[in-house]
Every structure is written in C-alpha cells, then in structure tokens.
Protein backbone atom coordinates (compact mmCIF):
# COMPACT_ATOMS: atom_id res chain seq x y z
CA UNK A 1 0.00 0.00 0.00
CA UNK A 2 1.18 3.48 -0.85
CA UNK A 3 2.07 5.58 2.18
CA UNK A 4 0.56 8.62 0.46
CA UNK A 5 -2.89 7.03 0.73
CA UNK A 6 -2.55 7.21 4.51
CA UNK A 7 -0.59 10.43 5.04
CA UNK A 8 -2.73 12.79 2.93
CA UNK A 9 -6.04 12.06 4.72
CA UNK A 10 -4.24 11.99 8.07
CA UNK A 11 -2.66 15.38 7.30
CA UNK A 12 -6.06 16.81 6.40
CA UNK A 13 -7.54 15.60 9.68
CA UNK A 14 -4.63 17.11 11.61
CA UNK A 15 -5.16 20.44 9.80
CA UNK A 16 -8.86 20.46 10.69
CA UNK A 17 -8.12 19.67 14.35
CA UNK A 18 -5.41 22.35 14.51
CA UNK A 19 -7.77 24.89 12.91
CA UNK A 20 -10.47 24.07 15.47
CA UNK A 21 -8.06 24.48 18.38
CA UNK A 22 -6.63 27.77 17.14
CA UNK A 23 -9.66 29.54 15.62
CA UNK A 24 -12.72 27.45 16.48
CA UNK A 25 -15.43 26.72 13.93
CA UNK A 26 -14.49 29.59 11.60
CA UNK A 27 -10.99 28.05 11.36
CA UNK A 28 -12.50 24.65 10.53
CA UNK A 29 -14.65 26.26 7.83
CA UNK A 30 -11.59 27.96 6.33
CA UNK A 31 -9.50 24.77 6.30
CA UNK A 32 -12.34 22.63 4.90
CA UNK A 33 -12.91 25.29 2.21
CA UNK A 34 -9.21 25.12 1.32
CA UNK A 35 -9.29 21.33 1.13
CA UNK A 36 -12.38 21.43 -1.11
CA UNK A 37 -10.66 23.95 -3.41
CA UNK A 38 -7.58 21.69 -3.59
CA UNK A 39 -9.72 18.67 -4.52
CA UNK A 40 -11.64 20.69 -7.13
CA UNK A 41 -8.38 21.98 -8.62
CA UNK A 42 -7.07 18.44 -9.14
CA UNK A 43 -10.43 17.23 -10.47
CA UNK A 44 -10.57 20.12 -12.97
CA UNK A 45 -7.03 19.37 -14.17
CA UNK A 46 -7.83 15.69 -14.62
CA UNK A 47 -11.00 16.47 -16.58
CA UNK A 48 -9.12 18.97 -18.77
CA UNK A 49 -6.44 16.37 -19.58
CA UNK A 50 -9.06 13.73 -20.38
CA UNK A 51 -11.06 16.15 -22.58
CA UNK A 52 -7.94 16.95 -24.63
CA UNK A 53 -7.01 13.26 -24.86
CA UNK A 54 -10.48 12.31 -26.08
CA UNK A 55 -10.07 14.34 -29.27
CA UNK A 56 -7.04 12.36 -30.51
CA UNK A 57 -6.64 8.72 -31.55
CA UNK A 58 -5.57 6.24 -28.89
CA UNK A 59 -1.81 5.72 -28.88
CA UNK A 60 -0.95 8.66 -31.17
CA UNK A 61 1.70 11.31 -30.43
CA UNK A 62 2.99 14.09 -32.68
CA UNK A 63 6.65 13.07 -32.30
CA UNK A 64 7.87 9.99 -30.48
CA UNK A 65 11.41 11.36 -30.39
CA UNK A 66 10.26 14.56 -28.63
CA UNK A 67 8.17 12.53 -26.19
CA UNK A 68 11.23 10.38 -25.42
CA UNK A 69 13.24 13.54 -24.69
CA UNK A 70 10.57 14.96 -22.36
CA UNK A 71 9.92 11.84 -20.27
CA UNK A 72 11.29 11.66 -16.74
CA UNK A 73 11.28 8.78 -14.27
CA UNK A 74 8.51 8.47 -11.65
CA UNK A 75 6.14 10.79 -13.52
CA UNK A 76 2.47 9.81 -13.06
CA UNK A 77 0.51 8.38 -15.99
CA UNK A 78 -1.76 11.44 -15.99
CA UNK A 79 1.23 13.70 -16.71
CA UNK A 80 2.32 11.52 -19.64
CA UNK A 81 -1.24 11.63 -21.02
CA UNK A 82 -1.15 15.43 -20.62
CA UNK A 83 2.16 15.61 -22.54
CA UNK A 84 0.95 13.42 -25.40
CA UNK A 85 -2.66 14.68 -25.33
CA UNK A 86 -3.62 11.10 -26.10
CA UNK A 87 -4.38 7.94 -24.16
CA UNK A 88 -1.72 5.30 -24.70
CA UNK A 89 -2.37 2.02 -26.47
CA UNK A 90 -2.47 -0.59 -23.69
CA UNK A 91 -0.11 -3.51 -24.28
CA UNK A 92 -0.45 -5.22 -20.89
CA UNK A 93 -3.46 -7.02 -19.48
CA UNK A 94 -5.97 -4.88 -17.62
CA UNK A 95 -5.30 -4.73 -13.89
CA UNK A 96 -1.79 -6.14 -14.26
CA UNK A 97 1.19 -4.34 -12.75
CA UNK A 98 3.38 -3.10 -14.46
CA UNK A 99 1.12 -1.38 -16.97
CA UNK A 100 2.63 -1.00 -20.44
CA UNK A 101 1.44 1.64 -22.90
CA UNK A 102 2.66 2.67 -26.35
CA UNK A 103 2.48 5.97 -28.23
CA UNK A 104 3.24 5.97 -31.99
CA UNK A 105 3.82 8.91 -34.34
CA UNK A 106 3.27 9.28 -38.09
CA UNK A 107 6.70 7.85 -38.98
CA UNK A 108 6.03 4.55 -37.14
CA UNK A 109 8.47 5.50 -34.38
CA UNK A 110 7.02 4.59 -31.02
CA UNK A 111 7.69 4.98 -27.32
CA UNK A 112 6.77 2.09 -25.04
CA UNK A 113 6.35 3.12 -21.40
CA UNK A 114 6.20 0.89 -18.33
CA UNK A 115 4.27 2.19 -15.31
CA UNK A 116 4.57 0.57 -11.89
CA UNK A 117 1.77 1.64 -9.51
CA UNK A 118 0.88 4.47 -11.86
CA UNK A 119 4.41 5.91 -12.07
CA UNK A 120 6.72 5.80 -15.11
CA UNK A 121 9.68 3.54 -14.40
CA UNK A 122 11.22 2.94 -17.82
CA UNK A 123 10.56 3.67 -21.46
CA UNK A 124 11.96 2.65 -24.83
CA UNK A 125 12.07 4.52 -28.12
CA UNK A 126 12.00 2.43 -31.29
CA UNK A 127 12.43 3.95 -34.71
CA UNK A 128 11.96 2.29 -38.11
CA UNK A 129 15.08 1.28 -39.99
CA UNK A 130 16.06 2.81 -43.34
CA UNK A 131 13.93 0.29 -45.29
CA UNK A 132 10.91 1.19 -43.16
CA UNK A 133 9.71 -2.41 -42.94
CA UNK A 134 10.55 -3.25 -39.34
CA UNK A 135 11.57 -1.49 -36.17
CA UNK A 136 14.92 -1.83 -34.49
CA UNK A 137 15.70 -0.83 -30.94
CA UNK A 138 17.57 2.43 -30.51
CA UNK A 139 20.11 2.98 -27.76
CA UNK A 140 17.65 5.52 -26.34
CA UNK A 141 16.26 3.18 -23.70
CA UNK A 142 15.89 5.02 -20.45
CA UNK A 143 15.08 3.98 -16.91
CA UNK A 144 15.07 5.64 -13.54
CA UNK A 145 18.61 6.77 -12.78
CA UNK A 146 20.44 5.22 -9.88
CA UNK A 147 21.18 7.52 -6.99
CA UNK A 148 24.64 8.95 -7.44
CA UNK A 149 26.18 11.91 -5.73
CA UNK A 150 28.44 14.47 -7.32
CA UNK A 151 31.64 15.34 -5.43
C-alpha cells in the first residue's frame, strides 16, 4: 500500500483539528474550504487532460522522439497523457502491474512506457530502420537513474 494514501487524509484531519483548536469553527470552515478547493483543482485538471485526450486517436503522439526527450522517471501516468494529449495504447493485461502503454507517431516510431503503480519507471524509443519495414531498438532506452552523488 502506498504511504501517500494514509498520510494525505491523516494530514487533512490534523489540519482540521489544529484549525479548530486555534480559531474554532471559523478556522474549521476555512481549512475545509481550502481542502475542497484543492480537490476541485485536481479534479478540474484531470477532466481537462481527459477532454484533450479524447479528441485524438488512442496511442498517437505528434513526435515519439520529442516525447522520449521529455519523459522523466517516476512521472504519473496522468502527466504523460497530458504531454501526449492522447491515451496510450495498452499492451499489458488490464489490472496487471506493471502497466505497459505505447504511443506511436506518423513515422512509425514509437515509445513504449512501463508504469509501476501508476508511475513511469522505464521507457523505450523504437524507430523504423532505413527500409521502413521493421523497427529496431535504438540505444535511447531510459530507466530511472540510480542515486549517485556528485563530489
């Protein structure tokens, strides 16, 4: 289970209790109003992303090479959908973790992304060869970088 699923509601409860102790019921009303605004902000963003994605074909992206350059590890699936403005073509079984999606552009280049618990862990760019008949893997395979420190 994700720790965020426990800490966010617990933090909200602590904020409401702290607001009640410091300012009484007007403080509770202010904090609850802020929480409602936060929830509505995220809901509006999600609906905006889904509305834009619904107007494009599933699994299509303008440029797979540009998408490959913009991707970063541990980005949520919603952010990748917002970048591509398209839902990815599902390659994995529904409900299976990791989830694998593919976005293809007009030149048959495609980016295959692997999401673990809704977060991007690794992705692969494949571009067609010179003949255009089949795809060959490029050295542009990327995964989450290991933690290294600079001196």
